[in-house]
Amino acid sequence: MRTLLFLAALLCAPVAQAQTVNNLAWLKGCWRTEAPHEAESGAQTTEVWVDPPGPAMFGYSFTEGEGEVQGWEQMRIDAGDGGRPRLVAMPNGGAPVVFEMVEPDTPAPNVVVFERADHDYPQMIEYRRVGRALTATIARIDGTHAYTYSYRRIGCPASVRP
């Protein structure tokens, strides 16, 4: 009887699906924060992700406020060791910083978490999409010093169109 119950439990359990870059296509598109809620200066951040044919997604973001670009970043999500996705960020054109994908504490659709414990800040980056809303949360590995960017989906204007 125990064997039968064990087999039934295995059949009913959700199948673990290996994460690949293709599983992250839900990030694709143009996203923008609402100004002035994100910063006292009224800064607004735009983040763009493209999913060209091939083994990587490419992204960039820039923050505008007080009439100028206050910061920018180039990003890519590609397959690291073993094909597991990793996020490579180059803030303000600096050296690449690699964050490895980890399983979120509470697995859910359209959620991805990347970590790098030996980085100064951030050490954790989480993307979460619900409908036309996207959040990007950065924090220390223990969850402290968290900051969340709340984006809404926008049509890609010609000036930022991938």
N, C-alpha and C. Protein backbone atom coordinates (compact mmCIF):
# COMPACT_ATOMS: atom_id res chain seq x y z
N MET A 1 0.82 -1.19 0.00
CA MET A 1 0.00 0.00 0.00
C MET A 1 0.87 1.26 0.00
N ARG A 2 1.95 1.26 0.82
CA ARG A 2 2.84 2.42 0.86
C ARG A 2 3.45 2.70 -0.50
N THR A 3 3.82 1.65 -1.19
CA THR A 3 4.41 1.81 -2.51
C THR A 3 3.41 2.45 -3.47
N LEU A 4 2.17 2.02 -3.39
CA LEU A 4 1.12 2.58 -4.24
C LEU A 4 0.89 4.06 -3.93
N LEU A 5 0.87 4.43 -2.65
CA LEU A 5 0.71 5.83 -2.26
C LEU A 5 1.90 6.67 -2.73
N PHE A 6 3.11 6.12 -2.60
CA PHE A 6 4.31 6.82 -3.04
C PHE A 6 4.26 7.07 -4.55
N LEU A 7 3.90 6.07 -5.32
CA LEU A 7 3.80 6.22 -6.77
C LEU A 7 2.72 7.23 -7.15
N ALA A 8 1.60 7.21 -6.45
CA ALA A 8 0.53 8.18 -6.72
C ALA A 8 1.01 9.60 -6.43
N ALA A 9 1.76 9.76 -5.33
CA ALA A 9 2.28 11.08 -4.98
C ALA A 9 3.25 11.57 -6.05
N LEU A 10 4.09 10.69 -6.55
CA LEU A 10 5.03 11.08 -7.61
C LEU A 10 4.30 11.51 -8.88
N LEU A 11 3.25 10.80 -9.22
CA LEU A 11 2.50 11.15 -10.43
C LEU A 11 1.78 12.48 -10.30
N CYS A 12 1.35 12.84 -9.08
CA CYS A 12 0.61 14.07 -8.86
C CYS A 12 1.52 15.27 -8.59
N ALA A 13 2.78 15.04 -8.28
CA ALA A 13 3.70 16.13 -7.96
C ALA A 13 4.00 16.93 -9.22
N PRO A 14 4.16 18.27 -9.09
CA PRO A 14 4.51 19.06 -10.25
C PRO A 14 5.89 18.68 -10.75
N VAL A 15 6.04 18.69 -12.04
CA VAL A 15 7.32 18.33 -12.65
C VAL A 15 8.25 19.53 -12.57
N ALA A 16 9.44 19.32 -12.05
CA ALA A 16 10.43 20.39 -12.00
C ALA A 16 10.94 20.63 -13.41
N GLN A 17 10.92 21.86 -13.82
CA GLN A 17 11.31 22.21 -15.17
C GLN A 17 12.64 22.94 -15.12
N ALA A 18 13.59 22.48 -15.91
CA ALA A 18 14.88 23.14 -15.95
C ALA A 18 14.72 24.54 -16.52
N GLN A 19 15.30 25.52 -15.86
CA GLN A 19 15.21 26.89 -16.34
C GLN A 19 16.23 27.10 -17.46
N THR A 20 15.79 27.72 -18.51
CA THR A 20 16.67 28.08 -19.62
C THR A 20 16.41 29.55 -19.94
N VAL A 21 17.26 30.11 -20.77
CA VAL A 21 17.06 31.49 -21.20
C VAL A 21 15.69 31.63 -21.86
N ASN A 22 15.27 30.64 -22.62
CA ASN A 22 13.96 30.70 -23.29
C ASN A 22 12.81 30.81 -22.31
N ASN A 23 12.96 30.24 -21.08
CA ASN A 23 11.90 30.34 -20.07
C ASN A 23 11.71 31.76 -19.57
N LEU A 24 12.65 32.65 -19.87
CA LEU A 24 12.61 34.01 -19.35
C LEU A 24 12.10 35.03 -20.38
N ALA A 25 11.51 34.56 -21.46
CA ALA A 25 11.00 35.45 -22.51
C ALA A 25 9.93 36.41 -21.98
N TRP A 26 9.33 36.12 -20.83
CA TRP A 26 8.32 37.01 -20.24
C TRP A 26 8.90 38.36 -19.84
N LEU A 27 10.24 38.49 -19.79
CA LEU A 27 10.87 39.79 -19.51
C LEU A 27 10.89 40.71 -20.73
N LYS A 28 10.75 40.13 -21.91
CA LYS A 28 10.88 40.87 -23.16
C LYS A 28 9.92 42.06 -23.22
N GLY A 29 10.44 43.19 -23.69
CA GLY A 29 9.60 44.36 -23.88
C GLY A 29 10.20 45.60 -23.26
N CYS A 30 9.41 46.66 -23.26
CA CYS A 30 9.83 47.95 -22.72
C CYS A 30 9.04 48.21 -21.44
N TRP A 31 9.75 48.65 -20.41
CA TRP A 31 9.19 48.85 -19.08
C TRP A 31 9.62 50.21 -18.57
N ARG A 32 8.74 50.90 -17.85
CA ARG A 32 9.08 52.23 -17.33
C ARG A 32 8.49 52.42 -15.93
N THR A 33 9.28 53.06 -15.07
CA THR A 33 8.78 53.40 -13.75
C THR A 33 7.90 54.63 -13.86
N GLU A 34 7.10 54.84 -12.85
CA GLU A 34 6.25 56.02 -12.78
C GLU A 34 7.01 57.13 -12.06
N ALA A 35 7.21 58.25 -12.67
CA ALA A 35 7.83 59.40 -11.99
C ALA A 35 6.70 60.19 -11.34
N PRO A 36 6.90 60.82 -10.24
CA PRO A 36 8.14 60.96 -9.46
C PRO A 36 8.23 59.99 -8.30
N HIS A 37 7.48 58.91 -8.30
CA HIS A 37 7.42 58.01 -7.15
C HIS A 37 8.73 57.29 -6.88
N GLU A 38 9.55 57.06 -7.88
CA GLU A 38 10.75 56.25 -7.69
C GLU A 38 11.91 57.02 -7.05
N ALA A 39 11.94 58.33 -7.15
CA ALA A 39 13.04 59.10 -6.57
C ALA A 39 12.55 60.51 -6.30
N GLU A 40 13.16 61.15 -5.33
CA GLU A 40 12.76 62.51 -4.99
C GLU A 40 12.98 63.46 -6.17
N SER A 41 13.94 63.16 -7.02
CA SER A 41 14.25 64.04 -8.13
C SER A 41 13.23 63.94 -9.26
N GLY A 42 12.28 63.00 -9.15
CA GLY A 42 11.35 62.79 -10.24
C GLY A 42 11.95 61.94 -11.34
N ALA A 43 13.03 61.23 -11.02
CA ALA A 43 13.69 60.39 -12.01
C ALA A 43 12.77 59.27 -12.48
N GLN A 44 12.97 58.89 -13.71
CA GLN A 44 12.18 57.83 -14.31
C GLN A 44 13.15 56.85 -14.97
N THR A 45 12.96 55.55 -14.71
CA THR A 45 13.83 54.53 -15.27
C THR A 45 13.09 53.76 -16.34
N THR A 46 13.76 53.55 -17.46
CA THR A 46 13.25 52.73 -18.55
C THR A 46 14.16 51.52 -18.68
N GLU A 47 13.57 50.34 -18.78
CA GLU A 47 14.33 49.11 -18.97
C GLU A 47 13.77 48.39 -20.18
N VAL A 48 14.65 47.92 -21.05
CA VAL A 48 14.25 47.27 -22.29
C VAL A 48 14.95 45.92 -22.37
N TRP A 49 14.18 44.88 -22.68
CA TRP A 49 14.73 43.54 -22.89
C TRP A 49 14.31 43.04 -24.27
N VAL A 50 15.27 42.54 -25.02
CA VAL A 50 15.00 41.94 -26.33
C VAL A 50 15.41 40.48 -26.28
N ASP A 51 14.73 39.70 -27.06
CA ASP A 51 14.94 38.26 -27.09
C ASP A 51 15.21 37.84 -28.52
N PRO A 52 16.43 38.14 -29.02
CA PRO A 52 16.72 37.78 -30.41
C PRO A 52 16.86 36.27 -30.55
N PRO A 53 16.80 35.77 -31.78
CA PRO A 53 17.07 34.34 -31.94
C PRO A 53 18.48 34.06 -31.43
N GLY A 54 18.61 33.03 -30.68
CA GLY A 54 19.93 32.70 -30.15
C GLY A 54 19.88 32.41 -28.67
N PRO A 55 21.02 32.20 -28.09
CA PRO A 55 21.08 31.72 -26.70
C PRO A 55 21.16 32.81 -25.63
N ALA A 56 20.71 34.02 -25.91
CA ALA A 56 20.81 35.09 -24.93
C ALA A 56 19.69 36.11 -25.09
N MET A 57 19.41 36.82 -24.01
CA MET A 57 18.54 37.99 -24.04
C MET A 57 19.42 39.19 -23.75
N PHE A 58 19.11 40.32 -24.36
CA PHE A 58 19.90 41.52 -24.16
C PHE A 58 19.01 42.62 -23.59
N GLY A 59 19.57 43.39 -22.68
CA GLY A 59 18.80 44.45 -22.06
C GLY A 59 19.63 45.68 -21.79
N TYR A 60 18.94 46.76 -21.58
CA TYR A 60 19.59 47.99 -21.15
C TYR A 60 18.58 48.79 -20.36
N SER A 61 19.09 49.62 -19.48
CA SER A 61 18.21 50.52 -18.74
C SER A 61 18.90 51.86 -18.59
N PHE A 62 18.09 52.88 -18.41
CA PHE A 62 18.64 54.21 -18.17
C PHE A 62 17.66 54.97 -17.29
N THR A 63 18.21 55.83 -16.46
CA THR A 63 17.42 56.65 -15.56
C THR A 63 17.59 58.10 -15.95
N GLU A 64 16.46 58.77 -16.17
CA GLU A 64 16.46 60.18 -16.54
C GLU A 64 15.82 60.99 -15.43
N GLY A 65 16.40 62.13 -15.13
CA GLY A 65 15.83 63.03 -14.14
C GLY A 65 16.57 64.34 -14.16
N GLU A 66 15.87 65.38 -13.78
CA GLU A 66 16.46 66.71 -13.75
C GLU A 66 17.09 67.08 -15.10
N GLY A 67 16.45 66.62 -16.18
CA GLY A 67 16.87 67.00 -17.53
C GLY A 67 18.08 66.28 -18.07
N GLU A 68 18.52 65.19 -17.41
CA GLU A 68 19.70 64.47 -17.92
C GLU A 68 19.64 62.99 -17.55
N VAL A 69 20.50 62.22 -18.21
CA VAL A 69 20.62 60.80 -17.88
C VAL A 69 21.45 60.70 -16.61
N GLN A 70 20.86 60.07 -15.59
CA GLN A 70 21.54 59.95 -14.30
C GLN A 70 22.29 58.63 -14.13
N GLY A 71 21.97 57.65 -14.95
CA GLY A 71 22.66 56.36 -14.89
C GLY A 71 22.15 55.46 -15.99
N TRP A 72 22.96 54.47 -16.36
CA TRP A 72 22.55 53.53 -17.39
C TRP A 72 23.26 52.21 -17.16
N GLU A 73 22.74 51.17 -17.80
CA GLU A 73 23.31 49.84 -17.61
C GLU A 73 23.03 48.99 -18.84
N GLN A 74 24.02 48.19 -19.20
CA GLN A 74 23.84 47.16 -20.23
C GLN A 74 23.74 45.83 -19.50
N MET A 75 22.89 44.93 -20.02
CA MET A 75 22.69 43.64 -19.38
C MET A 75 22.51 42.56 -20.42
N ARG A 76 22.78 41.34 -20.01
CA ARG A 76 22.40 40.19 -20.83
C ARG A 76 22.11 39.03 -19.90
N ILE A 77 21.24 38.17 -20.36
CA ILE A 77 20.99 36.91 -19.69
C ILE A 77 21.40 35.84 -20.68
N ASP A 78 22.38 35.04 -20.28
CA ASP A 78 22.85 33.98 -21.16
C ASP A 78 22.97 32.69 -20.37
N ALA A 79 23.39 31.64 -21.04
CA ALA A 79 23.53 30.35 -20.40
C ALA A 79 24.92 30.24 -19.79
N GLY A 80 24.98 30.05 -18.48
CA GLY A 80 26.25 29.86 -17.79
C GLY A 80 26.63 28.40 -17.81
N ASP A 81 27.41 28.00 -16.84
CA ASP A 81 27.82 26.60 -16.72
C ASP A 81 26.61 25.70 -16.61
N GLY A 82 26.61 24.65 -17.39
CA GLY A 82 25.49 23.71 -17.35
C GLY A 82 24.24 24.22 -18.02
N GLY A 83 24.30 25.37 -18.70
CA GLY A 83 23.15 25.91 -19.39
C GLY A 83 22.20 26.71 -18.52
N ARG A 84 22.49 26.82 -17.23
CA ARG A 84 21.63 27.59 -16.32
C ARG A 84 21.80 29.08 -16.58
N PRO A 85 20.69 29.82 -16.66
CA PRO A 85 20.78 31.25 -16.95
C PRO A 85 21.58 32.01 -15.90
N ARG A 86 22.24 33.05 -16.36
CA ARG A 86 22.94 33.98 -15.49
C ARG A 86 22.72 35.38 -16.03
N LEU A 87 22.75 36.36 -15.15
CA LEU A 87 22.59 37.76 -15.52
C LEU A 87 23.97 38.40 -15.48
N VAL A 88 24.35 39.05 -16.57
CA VAL A 88 25.62 39.77 -16.64
C VAL A 88 25.27 41.25 -16.76
N ALA A 89 25.66 42.02 -15.75
CA ALA A 89 25.32 43.45 -15.71
C ALA A 89 26.58 44.28 -15.85
N MET A 90 26.47 45.39 -16.58
CA MET A 90 27.57 46.32 -16.77
C MET A 90 27.07 47.73 -16.49
N PRO A 91 26.96 48.09 -15.18
CA PRO A 91 26.44 49.41 -14.83
C PRO A 91 27.36 50.53 -15.29
N ASN A 92 26.76 51.53 -15.94
CA ASN A 92 27.49 52.70 -16.45
C ASN A 92 28.69 52.31 -17.31
N GLY A 93 28.58 51.17 -18.01
CA GLY A 93 29.65 50.74 -18.91
C GLY A 93 30.84 50.12 -18.20
N GLY A 94 30.70 49.79 -16.93
CA GLY A 94 31.79 49.21 -16.15
C GLY A 94 32.03 47.75 -16.50
N ALA A 95 32.93 47.14 -15.75
CA ALA A 95 33.26 45.73 -15.95
C ALA A 95 32.04 44.85 -15.70
N PRO A 96 31.94 43.74 -16.43
CA PRO A 96 30.79 42.85 -16.24
C PRO A 96 30.78 42.24 -14.84
N VAL A 97 29.58 42.16 -14.27
CA VAL A 97 29.36 41.51 -12.98
C VAL A 97 28.36 40.38 -13.25
N VAL A 98 28.74 39.14 -12.91
CA VAL A 98 27.93 37.98 -13.20
C VAL A 98 27.15 37.55 -11.96
N PHE A 99 25.83 37.40 -12.14
CA PHE A 99 24.93 36.91 -11.09
C PHE A 99 24.36 35.58 -11.57
N GLU A 100 24.46 34.56 -10.74
CA GLU A 100 23.95 33.23 -11.10
C GLU A 100 22.48 33.11 -10.71
N MET A 101 21.71 32.43 -11.55
CA MET A 101 20.30 32.22 -11.23
C MET A 101 20.18 31.20 -10.10
N VAL A 102 19.29 31.48 -9.15
CA VAL A 102 19.00 30.56 -8.05
C VAL A 102 17.49 30.34 -8.01
N GLU A 103 17.08 29.30 -7.33
CA GLU A 103 15.65 29.06 -7.17
C GLU A 103 15.09 30.06 -6.17
N PRO A 104 13.97 30.72 -6.48
CA PRO A 104 13.37 31.66 -5.51
C PRO A 104 12.88 30.91 -4.28
N ASP A 105 12.78 31.63 -3.16
CA ASP A 105 12.29 31.02 -1.92
C ASP A 105 10.91 30.41 -2.13
N THR A 106 10.07 31.11 -2.87
CA THR A 106 8.74 30.62 -3.20
C THR A 106 8.61 30.59 -4.71
N PRO A 107 8.87 29.42 -5.34
CA PRO A 107 8.79 29.36 -6.80
C PRO A 107 7.41 29.78 -7.31
N ALA A 108 7.42 30.57 -8.35
CA ALA A 108 6.18 31.06 -8.95
C ALA A 108 6.43 31.33 -10.43
N PRO A 109 5.38 31.35 -11.23
CA PRO A 109 5.56 31.68 -12.64
C PRO A 109 6.05 33.12 -12.77
N ASN A 110 6.87 33.37 -13.77
CA ASN A 110 7.35 34.71 -14.09
C ASN A 110 8.11 35.37 -12.95
N VAL A 111 8.92 34.58 -12.26
CA VAL A 111 9.81 35.09 -11.22
C VAL A 111 11.18 34.48 -11.46
N VAL A 112 12.21 35.32 -11.41
CA VAL A 112 13.58 34.82 -11.52
C VAL A 112 14.45 35.58 -10.53
N VAL A 113 15.38 34.86 -9.90
CA VAL A 113 16.28 35.44 -8.91
C VAL A 113 17.71 35.13 -9.30
N PHE A 114 18.56 36.17 -9.26
CA PHE A 114 19.98 36.02 -9.53
C PHE A 114 20.74 36.49 -8.31
N GLU A 115 21.86 35.79 -7.97
CA GLU A 115 22.64 36.17 -6.79
C GLU A 115 24.13 36.14 -7.07
N ARG A 116 24.83 36.98 -6.30
CA ARG A 116 26.28 36.94 -6.24
C ARG A 116 26.68 37.45 -4.85
N ALA A 117 26.96 36.52 -3.95
CA ALA A 117 27.19 36.84 -2.55
C ALA A 117 28.44 37.69 -2.33
N ASP A 118 29.45 37.57 -3.20
CA ASP A 118 30.70 38.30 -2.96
C ASP A 118 30.71 39.69 -3.61
N HIS A 119 29.59 40.13 -4.17
CA HIS A 119 29.51 41.46 -4.76
C HIS A 119 29.14 42.46 -3.66
N ASP A 120 29.58 43.72 -3.80
CA ASP A 120 29.28 44.70 -2.76
C ASP A 120 27.78 44.98 -2.68
N TYR A 121 27.18 45.46 -3.75
CA TYR A 121 25.74 45.73 -3.79
C TYR A 121 25.36 46.00 -5.24
N PRO A 122 24.29 45.43 -5.70
CA PRO A 122 23.44 44.47 -5.02
C PRO A 122 24.07 43.07 -5.05
N GLN A 123 23.60 42.21 -4.18
CA GLN A 123 24.02 40.81 -4.17
C GLN A 123 22.90 39.91 -4.69
N MET A 124 21.68 40.45 -4.73
CA MET A 124 20.52 39.70 -5.20
C MET A 124 19.69 40.61 -6.10
N ILE A 125 19.23 40.04 -7.21
CA ILE A 125 18.35 40.75 -8.14
C ILE A 125 17.18 39.81 -8.44
N GLU A 126 15.98 40.30 -8.19
CA GLU A 126 14.78 39.50 -8.48
C GLU A 126 13.90 40.26 -9.46
N TYR A 127 13.48 39.57 -10.52
CA TYR A 127 12.47 40.09 -11.44
C TYR A 127 11.19 39.31 -11.21
N ARG A 128 10.06 40.03 -11.19
CA ARG A 128 8.76 39.41 -10.98
C ARG A 128 7.75 40.13 -11.88
N ARG A 129 7.06 39.36 -12.71
CA ARG A 129 6.05 39.95 -13.60
C ARG A 129 4.67 39.43 -13.26
N VAL A 130 3.73 40.37 -13.18
CA VAL A 130 2.32 40.05 -13.01
C VAL A 130 1.58 40.89 -14.03
N GLY A 131 1.05 40.26 -15.06
CA GLY A 131 0.34 40.99 -16.12
C GLY A 131 1.25 42.00 -16.78
N ARG A 132 0.81 43.28 -16.77
CA ARG A 132 1.59 44.34 -17.41
C ARG A 132 2.49 45.08 -16.42
N ALA A 133 2.70 44.47 -15.26
CA ALA A 133 3.56 45.07 -14.23
C ALA A 133 4.79 44.20 -14.02
N LEU A 134 5.92 44.84 -13.86
CA LEU A 134 7.19 44.16 -13.61
C LEU A 134 7.86 44.84 -12.43
N THR A 135 8.36 44.06 -11.50
CA THR A 135 9.17 44.63 -10.43
C THR A 135 10.57 44.05 -10.53
N ALA A 136 11.53 44.89 -10.23
CA ALA A 136 12.92 44.47 -10.13
C ALA A 136 13.38 44.89 -8.74
N THR A 137 13.71 43.91 -7.92
CA THR A 137 14.14 44.19 -6.55
C THR A 137 15.62 43.85 -6.42
N ILE A 138 16.37 44.80 -5.87
CA ILE A 138 17.78 44.57 -5.60
C ILE A 138 17.96 44.62 -4.09
N ALA A 139 18.89 43.81 -3.56
CA ALA A 139 19.10 43.74 -2.12
C ALA A 139 20.42 43.06 -1.81
N ARG A 140 20.75 43.03 -0.54
CA ARG A 140 21.86 42.20 -0.07
C ARG A 140 21.37 40.76 -0.07
N ILE A 141 22.28 39.82 0.02
CA ILE A 141 21.94 38.40 -0.06
C ILE A 141 20.94 38.00 1.03
N ASP A 142 20.98 38.69 2.19
CA ASP A 142 20.07 38.37 3.29
C ASP A 142 18.74 39.12 3.19
N GLY A 143 18.55 39.87 2.10
CA GLY A 143 17.30 40.59 1.89
C GLY A 143 17.28 42.00 2.45
N THR A 144 18.34 42.40 3.14
CA THR A 144 18.38 43.76 3.69
C THR A 144 18.73 44.77 2.60
N HIS A 145 18.48 46.02 2.89
CA HIS A 145 18.75 47.13 1.97
C HIS A 145 18.06 46.91 0.63
N ALA A 146 16.84 46.38 0.69
CA ALA A 146 16.08 46.10 -0.53
C ALA A 146 15.54 47.38 -1.13
N TYR A 147 15.56 47.44 -2.45
CA TYR A 147 14.95 48.54 -3.19
C TYR A 147 14.22 47.92 -4.37
N THR A 148 12.99 48.31 -4.57
CA THR A 148 12.18 47.75 -5.65
C THR A 148 11.83 48.82 -6.67
N TYR A 149 12.10 48.51 -7.92
CA TYR A 149 11.67 49.33 -9.05
C TYR A 149 10.34 48.75 -9.52
N SER A 150 9.30 49.58 -9.59
CA SER A 150 8.00 49.13 -10.07
C SER A 150 7.79 49.67 -11.47
N TYR A 151 7.78 48.77 -12.43
CA TYR A 151 7.65 49.15 -13.84
C TYR A 151 6.25 48.83 -14.34
N ARG A 152 5.85 49.57 -15.36
CA ARG A 152 4.64 49.23 -16.11
C ARG A 152 5.07 49.00 -17.56
N ARG A 153 4.35 48.13 -18.23
CA ARG A 153 4.65 47.82 -19.63
C ARG A 153 4.29 49.03 -20.47
N ILE A 154 5.17 49.41 -21.38
CA ILE A 154 4.89 50.52 -22.30
C ILE A 154 5.13 50.03 -23.71
N GLY A 155 4.51 50.70 -24.67
CA GLY A 155 4.85 50.46 -26.05
C GLY A 155 6.26 51.01 -26.26
N CYS A 156 7.07 50.30 -26.97
CA CYS A 156 8.45 50.75 -27.16
C CYS A 156 8.47 51.95 -28.10
N PRO A 157 8.77 53.16 -27.56
CA PRO A 157 8.88 54.31 -28.45
C PRO A 157 10.07 54.16 -29.40
N ALA A 158 10.03 54.85 -30.49
CA ALA A 158 11.10 54.74 -31.49
C ALA A 158 12.47 55.03 -30.88
N SER A 159 12.52 55.92 -29.90
CA SER A 159 13.82 56.28 -29.32
C SER A 159 14.43 55.17 -28.48
N VAL A 160 13.63 54.19 -28.01
CA VAL A 160 14.18 53.09 -27.22
C VAL A 160 13.84 51.73 -27.82
N ARG A 161 13.28 51.72 -29.01
CA ARG A 161 12.83 50.47 -29.62
C ARG A 161 14.00 49.54 -29.87
N PRO A 162 13.83 48.28 -29.46
CA PRO A 162 14.88 47.29 -29.70
C PRO A 162 14.98 46.95 -31.17
